[in-house]
C-alpha atoms as a PDB file:
ATOM      1  CA  MET A   1       0.000   0.000   0.000  1.00  0.00           C
ATOM      2  CA  GLN A   2       1.123   3.592  -0.655  1.00  0.00           C
ATOM      3  CA  MET A   3       2.584   5.295   2.414  1.00  0.00           C
ATOM      4  CA  ASN A   4       0.986   8.443   3.789  1.00  0.00           C
ATOM      5  CA  PRO A   5       3.580  10.037   6.130  1.00  0.00           C
ATOM      6  CA  ASN A   6       0.814  11.909   7.976  1.00  0.00           C
ATOM      7  CA  LYS A   7      -1.393   8.914   8.738  1.00  0.00           C
ATOM      8  CA  LEU A   8      -0.821   5.451  10.172  1.00  0.00           C
ATOM      9  CA  SER A   9      -3.575   2.870   9.754  1.00  0.00           C
ATOM     10  CA  LEU A  10      -3.753  -0.037  12.196  1.00  0.00           C
ATOM     11  CA  LEU A  11      -5.661  -3.263  12.612  1.00  0.00           C
ATOM     12  CA  ALA A  12      -5.850  -4.066  16.347  1.00  0.00           C
ATOM     13  CA  CYS A  13      -6.848  -7.677  17.033  1.00  0.00           C
ATOM     14  CA  GLN A  14      -8.490  -8.461  20.383  1.00  0.00           C
ATOM     15  CA  LEU A  15      -8.230 -12.232  19.921  1.00  0.00           C
ATOM     16  CA  SER A  16      -9.526 -15.166  21.903  1.00  0.00           C
ATOM     17  CA  ILE A  17      -6.775 -17.627  22.741  1.00  0.00           C
ATOM     18  CA  PRO A  18      -7.694 -21.225  23.641  1.00  0.00           C
ATOM     19  CA  ALA A  19      -5.824 -23.594  25.914  1.00  0.00           C
ATOM     20  CA  THR A  20      -2.438 -24.405  24.381  1.00  0.00           C
ATOM     21  CA  ALA A  21      -0.817 -26.999  26.603  1.00  0.00           C
ATOM     22  CA  ASP A  22       1.123 -28.593  23.712  1.00  0.00           C
ATOM     23  CA  THR A  23       2.612 -27.633  20.351  1.00  0.00           C
ATOM     24  CA  ALA A  24      -0.255 -29.171  18.372  1.00  0.00           C
ATOM     25  CA  ALA A  25      -2.769 -26.901  20.125  1.00  0.00           C
ATOM     26  CA  ARG A  26      -0.455 -23.897  19.757  1.00  0.00           C
ATOM     27  CA  ASP A  27       0.087 -24.450  16.052  1.00  0.00           C
ATOM     28  CA  LYS A  28      -3.628 -25.025  15.404  1.00  0.00           C
ATOM     29  CA  HIS A  29      -4.429 -21.733  17.143  1.00  0.00           C
ATOM     30  CA  LEU A  30      -1.668 -19.970  15.201  1.00  0.00           C
ATOM     31  CA  ARG A  31      -3.003 -21.186  11.851  1.00  0.00           C
ATOM     32  CA  GLU A  32      -6.534 -20.115  12.778  1.00  0.00           C
ATOM     33  CA  SER A  33      -5.347 -16.680  13.931  1.00  0.00           C
ATOM     34  CA  VAL A  34      -3.455 -16.114  10.691  1.00  0.00           C
ATOM     35  CA  ARG A  35      -6.467 -17.224   8.657  1.00  0.00           C
ATOM     36  CA  ARG A  36      -8.854 -14.880  10.437  1.00  0.00           C
ATOM     37  CA  VAL A  37      -6.539 -11.867  10.341  1.00  0.00           C
ATOM     38  CA  GLY A  38      -5.959 -12.588   6.669  1.00  0.00           C
ATOM     39  CA  GLN A  39      -9.701 -12.485   6.024  1.00  0.00           C
ATOM     40  CA  VAL A  40      -9.894  -9.015   7.559  1.00  0.00           C
ATOM     41  CA  LEU A  41      -6.867  -7.767   5.603  1.00  0.00           C
ATOM     42  CA  ALA A  42      -8.378  -9.040   2.361  1.00  0.00           C
ATOM     43  CA  LYS A  43     -11.207  -6.536   2.839  1.00  0.00           C
ATOM     44  CA  GLN A  44      -9.155  -3.530   3.965  1.00  0.00           C
ATOM     45  CA  SER A  45      -5.400  -3.026   3.844  1.00  0.00           C
ATOM     46  CA  VAL A  46      -3.538  -1.348   6.713  1.00  0.00           C
ATOM     47  CA  ASP A  47      -0.011  -0.228   7.513  1.00  0.00           C
ATOM     48  CA  LEU A  48       0.260  -2.168  10.753  1.00  0.00           C
ATOM     49  CA  VAL A  49      -1.383  -5.193  12.415  1.00  0.00           C
ATOM     50  CA  VAL A  50      -1.106  -5.613  16.195  1.00  0.00           C
ATOM     51  CA  LEU A  51      -1.738  -8.735  18.302  1.00  0.00           C
ATOM     52  CA  PRO A  52      -1.895  -9.167  22.104  1.00  0.00           C
ATOM     53  CA  GLU A  53       0.745 -10.278  24.576  1.00  0.00           C
ATOM     54  CA  LEU A  54       1.734 -13.948  24.154  1.00  0.00           C
ATOM     55  CA  SER A  55      -0.753 -14.207  21.300  1.00  0.00           C
ATOM     56  CA  THR A  56       0.357 -17.757  20.429  1.00  0.00           C
ATOM     57  CA  ILE A  57      -0.438 -19.338  23.825  1.00  0.00           C
ATOM     58  CA  ASP A  58      -2.981 -18.955  26.594  1.00  0.00           C
ATOM     59  CA  TYR A  59      -1.979 -17.090  29.726  1.00  0.00           C
ATOM     60  CA  SER A  60      -2.011 -19.879  32.289  1.00  0.00           C
ATOM     61  CA  ARG A  61       0.196 -21.861  34.620  1.00  0.00           C
ATOM     62  CA  GLU A  62      -0.466 -24.929  32.456  1.00  0.00           C
ATOM     63  CA  SER A  63       1.014 -23.296  29.364  1.00  0.00           C
ATOM     64  CA  PHE A  64       3.868 -21.672  31.265  1.00  0.00           C
ATOM     65  CA  SER A  65       4.769 -25.065  32.704  1.00  0.00           C
ATOM     66  CA  ALA A  66       5.106 -26.338  29.114  1.00  0.00           C
ATOM     67  CA  LEU A  67       7.471 -23.604  27.892  1.00  0.00           C
ATOM     68  CA  GLU A  68      10.159 -26.134  27.031  1.00  0.00           C
ATOM     69  CA  ALA A  69       7.868 -27.214  24.207  1.00  0.00           C
ATOM     70  CA  LEU A  70       5.877 -24.027  23.524  1.00  0.00           C
ATOM     71  CA  ALA A  71       8.598 -21.357  23.517  1.00  0.00           C
ATOM     72  CA  GLU A  72      10.174 -20.378  20.186  1.00  0.00           C
ATOM     73  CA  ASP A  73      13.312 -18.759  18.874  1.00  0.00           C
ATOM     74  CA  LEU A  74      13.050 -15.608  16.785  1.00  0.00           C
ATOM     75  CA  HIS A  75      12.479 -17.529  13.549  1.00  0.00           C
ATOM     76  CA  GLY A  76      10.133 -20.189  14.900  1.00  0.00           C
ATOM     77  CA  PRO A  77       6.569 -21.079  13.880  1.00  0.00           C
ATOM     78  CA  SER A  78       5.092 -17.699  14.850  1.00  0.00           C
ATOM     79  CA  PHE A  79       7.618 -15.807  12.759  1.00  0.00           C
ATOM     80  CA  GLN A  80       7.103 -18.120   9.799  1.00  0.00           C
ATOM     81  CA  ALA A  81       3.317 -17.745   9.921  1.00  0.00           C
ATOM     82  CA  TRP A  82       3.113 -13.965  10.442  1.00  0.00           C
ATOM     83  CA  SER A  83       5.977 -13.305   8.039  1.00  0.00           C
ATOM     84  CA  ALA A  84       4.097 -15.059   5.238  1.00  0.00           C
ATOM     85  CA  LEU A  85       0.924 -13.077   5.982  1.00  0.00           C
ATOM     86  CA  ALA A  86       2.840  -9.781   6.121  1.00  0.00           C
ATOM     87  CA  GLN A  87       4.317 -10.462   2.690  1.00  0.00           C
ATOM     88  CA  GLU A  88       0.970 -11.500   1.234  1.00  0.00           C
ATOM     89  CA  HIS A  89      -0.765  -8.303   2.337  1.00  0.00           C
ATOM     90  CA  ARG A  90       2.245  -5.961   2.205  1.00  0.00           C
ATOM     91  CA  THR A  91       1.863  -4.884   5.808  1.00  0.00           C
ATOM     92  CA  THR A  92       3.817  -4.855   9.066  1.00  0.00           C
ATOM     93  CA  ILE A  93       2.722  -7.222  11.850  1.00  0.00           C
ATOM     94  CA  VAL A  94       3.561  -7.109  15.570  1.00  0.00           C
ATOM     95  CA  TYR A  95       2.808 -10.331  17.454  1.00  0.00           C
ATOM     96  CA  GLY A  96       3.451 -11.752  20.927  1.00  0.00           C
ATOM     97  CA  PHE A  97       5.111 -15.081  21.685  1.00  0.00           C
ATOM     98  CA  PRO A  98       7.112 -16.905  24.389  1.00  0.00           C
ATOM     99  CA  HIS A  99      10.731 -16.415  23.359  1.00  0.00           C
ATOM    100  CA  ARG A 100      13.503 -18.915  24.024  1.00  0.00           C
ATOM    101  CA  THR A 101      16.774 -17.013  23.869  1.00  0.00           C
ATOM    102  CA  GLU A 102      20.067 -18.402  22.587  1.00  0.00           C
ATOM    103  CA  GLN A 103      21.122 -18.710  26.227  1.00  0.00           C
ATOM    104  CA  GLY A 104      18.059 -20.846  26.998  1.00  0.00           C
ATOM    105  CA  HIS A 105      16.088 -18.230  28.932  1.00  0.00           C
ATOM    106  CA  PHE A 106      12.338 -17.771  28.473  1.00  0.00           C
ATOM    107  CA  ARG A 107      11.072 -14.250  27.848  1.00  0.00           C
ATOM    108  CA  ILE A 108       7.719 -12.636  27.063  1.00  0.00           C
ATOM    109  CA  SER A 109       8.335 -11.008  23.699  1.00  0.00           C
ATOM    110  CA  ALA A 110       6.838  -8.948  20.911  1.00  0.00           C
ATOM    111  CA  ALA A 111       8.349  -9.183  17.433  1.00  0.00           C
ATOM    112  CA  ALA A 112       7.737  -7.115  14.302  1.00  0.00           C
ATOM    113  CA  VAL A 113       7.908  -8.398  10.737  1.00  0.00           C
ATOM    114  CA  GLY A 114       7.932  -5.991   7.796  1.00  0.00           C
ATOM    115  CA  SER A 115       6.001  -6.046   4.556  1.00  0.00           C
ATOM    116  CA  ASP A 116       8.874  -7.968   2.944  1.00  0.00           C
ATOM    117  CA  GLY A 117       8.561 -10.679   5.590  1.00  0.00           C
ATOM    118  CA  ALA A 118      11.850  -9.827   7.287  1.00  0.00           C
ATOM    119  CA  LEU A 119      12.212  -9.601  11.058  1.00  0.00           C
ATOM    120  CA  LEU A 120      12.445  -5.903  11.962  1.00  0.00           C
ATOM    121  CA  GLY A 121      13.343  -6.611  15.564  1.00  0.00           C
ATOM    122  CA  TYR A 122      11.915  -7.710  18.882  1.00  0.00           C
ATOM    123  CA  TYR A 123      11.295  -6.534  22.419  1.00  0.00           C
ATOM    124  CA  ASP A 124      11.452  -8.627  25.601  1.00  0.00           C
ATOM    125  CA  LYS A 125       9.206  -7.549  28.482  1.00  0.00           C
ATOM    126  CA  LEU A 126      11.196  -5.586  31.065  1.00  0.00           C
ATOM    127  CA  HIS A 127       8.815  -5.747  34.040  1.00  0.00           C
ATOM    128  CA  LEU A 128       7.498  -9.196  34.990  1.00  0.00           C
ATOM    129  CA  ALA A 129       4.159  -9.268  36.839  1.00  0.00           C
ATOM    130  CA  GLN A 130       3.928 -11.299  40.028  1.00  0.00           C
ATOM    131  CA  PHE A 131       0.641 -10.155  41.541  1.00  0.00           C
ATOM    132  CA  GLY A 132      -3.064 -10.845  41.115  1.00  0.00           C
ATOM    133  CA  ALA A 133      -3.494 -13.612  38.517  1.00  0.00           C
ATOM    134  CA  SER A 134       0.092 -13.221  37.255  1.00  0.00           C
ATOM    135  CA  MET A 135       2.983 -15.563  37.982  1.00  0.00           C
ATOM    136  CA  GLU A 136       5.540 -14.477  35.394  1.00  0.00           C
ATOM    137  CA  GLN A 137       8.608 -14.270  37.620  1.00  0.00           C
ATOM    138  CA  GLU A 138       8.308 -18.004  38.249  1.00  0.00           C
ATOM    139  CA  TYR A 139       8.757 -18.833  34.555  1.00  0.00           C
ATOM    140  CA  PHE A 140      10.315 -15.935  32.628  1.00  0.00           C
ATOM    141  CA  SER A 141      13.385 -13.705  32.659  1.00  0.00           C
ATOM    142  CA  ALA A 142      13.221  -9.937  32.144  1.00  0.00           C
ATOM    143  CA  GLY A 143      14.436  -8.316  28.946  1.00  0.00           C
ATOM    144  CA  ASP A 144      17.412  -6.001  28.579  1.00  0.00           C
ATOM    145  CA  HIS A 145      16.756  -3.699  25.598  1.00  0.00           C
ATOM    146  CA  LEU A 146      14.291  -1.365  23.891  1.00  0.00           C
ATOM    147  CA  PHE A 147      13.014  -1.666  20.327  1.00  0.00           C
ATOM    148  CA  VAL A 148      11.802   1.110  18.006  1.00  0.00           C
ATOM    149  CA  PHE A 149      10.878   0.747  14.346  1.00  0.00           C
ATOM    150  CA  GLU A 150       9.353   2.920  11.634  1.00  0.00           C
ATOM    151  CA  VAL A 151       6.224   2.257   9.627  1.00  0.00           C
ATOM    152  CA  ALA A 152       4.418   4.715   7.341  1.00  0.00           C
ATOM    153  CA  GLY A 153       6.678   7.502   8.592  1.00  0.00           C
ATOM    154  CA  PHE A 154       5.780   6.971  12.276  1.00  0.00           C
ATOM    155  CA  ARG A 155       8.180   5.819  14.982  1.00  0.00           C
ATOM    156  CA  VAL A 156       6.614   2.918  16.870  1.00  0.00           C
ATOM    157  CA  ALA A 157       7.647   1.011  20.004  1.00  0.00           C
ATOM    158  CA  PRO A 158       6.149  -2.081  21.667  1.00  0.00           C
ATOM    159  CA  ILE A 159       5.866  -2.477  25.422  1.00  0.00           C
ATOM    160  CA  ILE A 160       4.108  -5.301  27.266  1.00  0.00           C
ATOM    161  CA  CYS A 161       1.452  -5.301  30.012  1.00  0.00           C
ATOM    162  CA  PHE A 162       3.131  -4.489  33.374  1.00  0.00           C
ATOM    163  CA  ASP A 163       5.600  -2.227  31.496  1.00  0.00           C
ATOM    164  CA  ILE A 164       2.892   0.455  31.518  1.00  0.00           C
ATOM    165  CA  ARG A 165       3.004   0.959  35.289  1.00  0.00           C
ATOM    166  CA  PRO A 166       6.418   2.667  35.779  1.00  0.00           C
ATOM    167  CA  PRO A 167       6.214   5.992  33.862  1.00  0.00           C
ATOM    168  CA  GLU A 168       9.921   6.162  33.041  1.00  0.00           C
ATOM    169  CA  LEU A 169       9.824   3.603  30.208  1.00  0.00           C
ATOM    170  CA  CYS A 170       7.273   5.447  28.069  1.00  0.00           C
ATOM    171  CA  ARG A 171       8.930   8.799  28.821  1.00  0.00           C
ATOM    172  CA  GLN A 172      12.300   7.449  27.699  1.00  0.00           C
ATOM    173  CA  LEU A 173      10.829   6.104  24.462  1.00  0.00           C
ATOM    174  CA  VAL A 174       9.209   9.441  23.646  1.00  0.00           C
ATOM    175  CA  VAL A 175      11.866  11.915  24.810  1.00  0.00           C
ATOM    176  CA  GLN A 176      15.020  10.007  23.922  1.00  0.00           C
ATOM    177  CA  HIS A 177      13.807   7.983  20.935  1.00  0.00           C
ATOM    178  CA  GLN A 178      11.104  10.248  19.449  1.00  0.00           C
ATOM    179  CA  VAL A 179       8.405   7.570  19.482  1.00  0.00           C
ATOM    180  CA  ASP A 180       4.993   8.617  18.094  1.00  0.00           C
ATOM    181  CA  VAL A 181       2.983   5.463  18.856  1.00  0.00           C
ATOM    182  CA  ILE A 182       3.321   2.975  21.703  1.00  0.00           C
ATOM    183  CA  LEU A 183       1.872  -0.494  21.166  1.00  0.00           C
ATOM    184  CA  HIS A 184       1.033  -1.833  24.611  1.00  0.00           C
ATOM    185  CA  SER A 185       0.061  -5.480  24.322  1.00  0.00           C
ATOM    186  CA  GLY A 186      -1.346  -7.164  27.402  1.00  0.00           C
ATOM    187  CA  ALA A 187      -3.007 -10.142  28.998  1.00  0.00           C
ATOM    188  CA  TYR A 188      -5.136  -8.197  31.461  1.00  0.00           C
ATOM    189  CA  TYR A 189      -7.063 -10.643  33.623  1.00  0.00           C
ATOM    190  CA  ARG A 190     -10.006  -9.311  35.613  1.00  0.00           C
ATOM    191  CA  ASP A 191      -8.284  -9.339  38.972  1.00  0.00           C
ATOM    192  CA  ARG A 192      -7.859  -6.426  41.410  1.00  0.00           C
ATOM    193  CA  SER A 193      -5.418  -4.618  39.089  1.00  0.00           C
ATOM    194  CA  PHE A 194      -7.802  -4.638  36.104  1.00  0.00           C
ATOM    195  CA  SER A 195      -9.797  -1.521  36.989  1.00  0.00           C
ATOM    196  CA  SER A 196      -6.687   0.692  37.186  1.00  0.00           C
ATOM    197  CA  TRP A 197      -5.343  -0.323  33.752  1.00  0.00           C
ATOM    198  CA  HIS A 198      -7.291   2.220  31.638  1.00  0.00           C
ATOM    199  CA  ALA A 199      -6.259   5.100  33.882  1.00  0.00           C
ATOM    200  CA  PHE A 200      -2.616   4.194  33.304  1.00  0.00           C
ATOM    201  CA  ALA A 201      -3.125   3.900  29.527  1.00  0.00           C
ATOM    202  CA  GLN A 202      -4.811   7.299  29.253  1.00  0.00           C
ATOM    203  CA  THR A 203      -2.190   8.926  31.464  1.00  0.00           C
ATOM    204  CA  ARG A 204       0.714   7.534  29.429  1.00  0.00           C
ATOM    205  CA  ALA A 205      -0.863   8.805  26.203  1.00  0.00           C
ATOM    206  CA  VAL A 206      -1.697  12.306  27.424  1.00  0.00           C
ATOM    207  CA  GLU A 207       1.423  12.955  29.508  1.00  0.00           C
ATOM    208  CA  ASN A 208       3.612  11.997  26.515  1.00  0.00           C
ATOM    209  CA  GLN A 209       1.216  13.400  23.858  1.00  0.00           C
ATOM    210  CA  ILE A 210       1.354  10.273  21.711  1.00  0.00           C
ATOM    211  CA  TYR A 211      -1.022   7.607  20.414  1.00  0.00           C
ATOM    212  CA  PHE A 212      -1.284   4.649  22.772  1.00  0.00           C
ATOM    213  CA  LEU A 213      -2.841   1.299  21.837  1.00  0.00           C
ATOM    214  CA  SER A 214      -3.475  -0.859  24.907  1.00  0.00           C
ATOM    215  CA  LEU A 215      -4.468  -4.222  23.443  1.00  0.00           C
ATOM    216  CA  ASN A 216      -5.813  -7.087  25.552  1.00  0.00           C
ATOM    217  CA  ARG A 217      -6.889 -10.586  24.511  1.00  0.00           C
ATOM    218  CA  ALA A 218     -10.598 -11.446  24.339  1.00  0.00           C
ATOM    219  CA  GLY A 219     -12.489 -13.785  26.649  1.00  0.00           C
ATOM    220  CA  GLN A 220     -14.601 -14.026  29.759  1.00  0.00           C
ATOM    221  CA  HIS A 221     -11.764 -12.801  31.989  1.00  0.00           C
ATOM    222  CA  PHE A 222     -10.075 -10.400  29.536  1.00  0.00           C
ATOM    223  CA  GLY A 223     -11.225  -7.832  26.918  1.00  0.00           C
ATOM    224  CA  ASN A 224     -11.797  -4.054  27.126  1.00  0.00           C
ATOM    225  CA  SER A 225      -8.829  -2.963  24.990  1.00  0.00           C
ATOM    226  CA  LEU A 226      -8.322   0.788  24.600  1.00  0.00           C
ATOM    227  CA  PHE A 227      -6.941   3.139  21.929  1.00  0.00           C
ATOM    228  CA  VAL A 228      -5.970   6.551  23.297  1.00  0.00           C
ATOM    229  CA  PRO A 229      -5.209   9.709  21.285  1.00  0.00           C
ATOM    230  CA  PRO A 230      -2.568  12.283  22.308  1.00  0.00           C
ATOM    231  CA  TRP A 231      -5.179  14.474  23.993  1.00  0.00           C
ATOM    232  CA  ILE A 232      -8.466  13.736  25.758  1.00  0.00           C
ATOM    233  CA  ASP A 233     -11.276  16.153  26.606  1.00  0.00           C
ATOM    234  CA  ASP A 234     -15.089  16.229  26.547  1.00  0.00           C
ATOM    235  CA  ASN A 235     -15.074  16.046  22.737  1.00  0.00           C
ATOM    236  CA  THR A 236     -12.129  13.712  22.235  1.00  0.00           C
ATOM    237  CA  LEU A 237     -12.307  10.347  23.954  1.00  0.00           C
ATOM    238  CA  ALA A 238     -10.421   7.080  23.899  1.00  0.00           C
ATOM    239  CA  SER A 239     -11.830   4.293  21.699  1.00  0.00           C
ATOM    240  CA  SER A 240     -13.030   1.243  23.629  1.00  0.00           C
ATOM    241  CA  PHE A 241     -13.180  -2.367  22.458  1.00  0.00           C
ATOM    242  CA  PRO A 242     -15.865  -4.917  23.444  1.00  0.00           C
ATOM    243  CA  GLU A 243     -16.018  -5.955  27.068  1.00  0.00           C
ATOM    244  CA  HIS A 244     -15.318  -9.629  26.334  1.00  0.00           C
ATOM    245  CA  ASP A 245     -15.825 -10.465  22.654  1.00  0.00           C
ATOM    246  CA  GLU A 246     -13.268 -10.704  19.913  1.00  0.00           C
ATOM    247  CA  ALA A 247     -12.790  -7.563  17.827  1.00  0.00           C
ATOM    248  CA  PHE A 248     -10.762  -6.558  14.793  1.00  0.00           C
ATOM    249  CA  GLN A 249     -10.760  -2.760  14.929  1.00  0.00           C
ATOM    250  CA  HIS A 250      -9.403  -0.432  12.275  1.00  0.00           C
ATOM    251  CA  LEU A 251      -7.732   2.593  13.857  1.00  0.00           C
ATOM    252  CA  VAL A 252      -5.887   5.626  12.514  1.00  0.00           C
ATOM    253  CA  CYS A 253      -3.113   7.784  13.969  1.00  0.00           C
ATOM    254  CA  HIS A 254      -2.953  11.314  12.512  1.00  0.00           C
ATOM    255  CA  ARG A 255       0.301  13.240  12.790  1.00  0.00           C
ATOM    256  CA  GLU A 256      -1.517  16.576  12.768  1.00  0.00           C
ATOM    257  CA  VAL A 257      -3.586  15.543  15.816  1.00  0.00           C
ATOM    258  CA  MET A 258      -0.403  14.798  17.748  1.00  0.00           C
ATOM    259  CA  GLU A 259       1.302  18.010  16.625  1.00  0.00           C
ATOM    260  CA  GLN A 260      -1.759  20.106  17.436  1.00  0.00           C
ATOM    261  CA  ALA A 261      -1.926  18.672  20.955  1.00  0.00           C
ATOM    262  CA  ARG A 262       1.715  19.584  21.476  1.00  0.00           C
ATOM    263  CA  ARG A 263       1.181  23.109  20.128  1.00  0.00           C
ATOM    264  CA  GLU A 264      -1.887  23.864  22.228  1.00  0.00           C
ATOM    265  CA  PHE A 265      -0.732  22.130  25.414  1.00  0.00           C
ATOM    266  CA  ALA A 266       3.034  22.494  25.538  1.00  0.00           C
ATOM    267  CA  PHE A 267       3.667  20.800  28.859  1.00  0.00           C
ATOM    268  CA  LEU A 268       5.849  18.107  27.225  1.00  0.00           C
ATOM    269  CA  ALA A 269       8.104  20.737  25.646  1.00  0.00           C
ATOM    270  CA  GLU A 270       8.191  22.859  28.795  1.00  0.00           C
ATOM    271  CA  ARG A 271       9.656  20.195  31.050  1.00  0.00           C
ATOM    272  CA  LEU A 272      12.714  21.338  32.971  1.00  0.00           C
ATOM    273  CA  PRO A 273      16.024  19.819  31.838  1.00  0.00           C
ATOM    274  CA  GLN A 274      16.163  17.995  35.174  1.00  0.00           C
ATOM    275  CA  TYR A 275      14.305  17.923  38.489  1.00  0.00           C
ATOM    276  CA  ASP A 276      17.172  17.091  40.826  1.00  0.00           C
ATOM    277  CA  LEU A 277      16.716  20.425  42.613  1.00  0.00           C
ATOM    278  CA  PRO A 278      17.590  21.547  46.139  1.00  0.00           C
ATOM    279  CA  LEU A 279      15.001  20.579  48.722  1.00  0.00           C
ATOM    280  CA  CYS A 280      13.698  23.428  50.863  1.00  0.00           C
ATOM    281  CA  SER A 281      12.075  22.292  54.102  1.00  0.00           C
ATOM    282  CA  ASP A 282      10.755  24.064  57.186  1.00  0.00           C
ATOM    283  CA  LYS A 283      14.022  23.192  58.968  1.00  0.00           C
ATOM    284  CA  THR A 284      16.219  25.249  56.639  1.00  0.00           C
END
């Protein structure tokens, strides 16, 4: 498709993910996911397709206990499947998978393949959740790098689930690496932390004046993905996904919307160079 440097079109896939306790179940789910995304792309082309955290396996102790079989290297079954679809539809695809590193560690990863089918790069989750319904620190190792890529003239970075909570990561991506769009894939289970998730997503978008896609998986205990523009007010709201059901939503990021927000509300530009200032207390 012809690139428009002022507009980025996305297909955000809030997918259901069945139990995947073995490679046969994983690969069956992967084939079905590729088929269904392909059906949507056949009707409307986009610059970028985005899938949830660990989109090849279900988020469960059963699957995590089977990582020796289910985890993949960077060019494993998930790469092969999404690479072929990216080439067929001339689009970029970001997908989640359990990553087995060359050193034998397991990591929660997001990889991007370009419209030529080549691997653009990957990101390993930095912050591993060990609260509520999460048990990631028991099975995975934390990542050690950032990843930024360009598509349709926009600078894009993936982060994963718990990575949204500390504000420094998103700030670093925007201020130091000039990111325009953050793709926040998740597996947000409806535990005690669920209700705070949207507040974090909207804050990260508005405080950094960027587009922020916070994409969950579908299902009884998941859902409610959110797409947040660079500014929110009574007339400009975030776009919500279904509460539980699957959804394939077409979304658009407009460069002018982001630039206008930064012109009218210049708090990002007016940050001080640093905030390590002297502390004045009532004892001084």
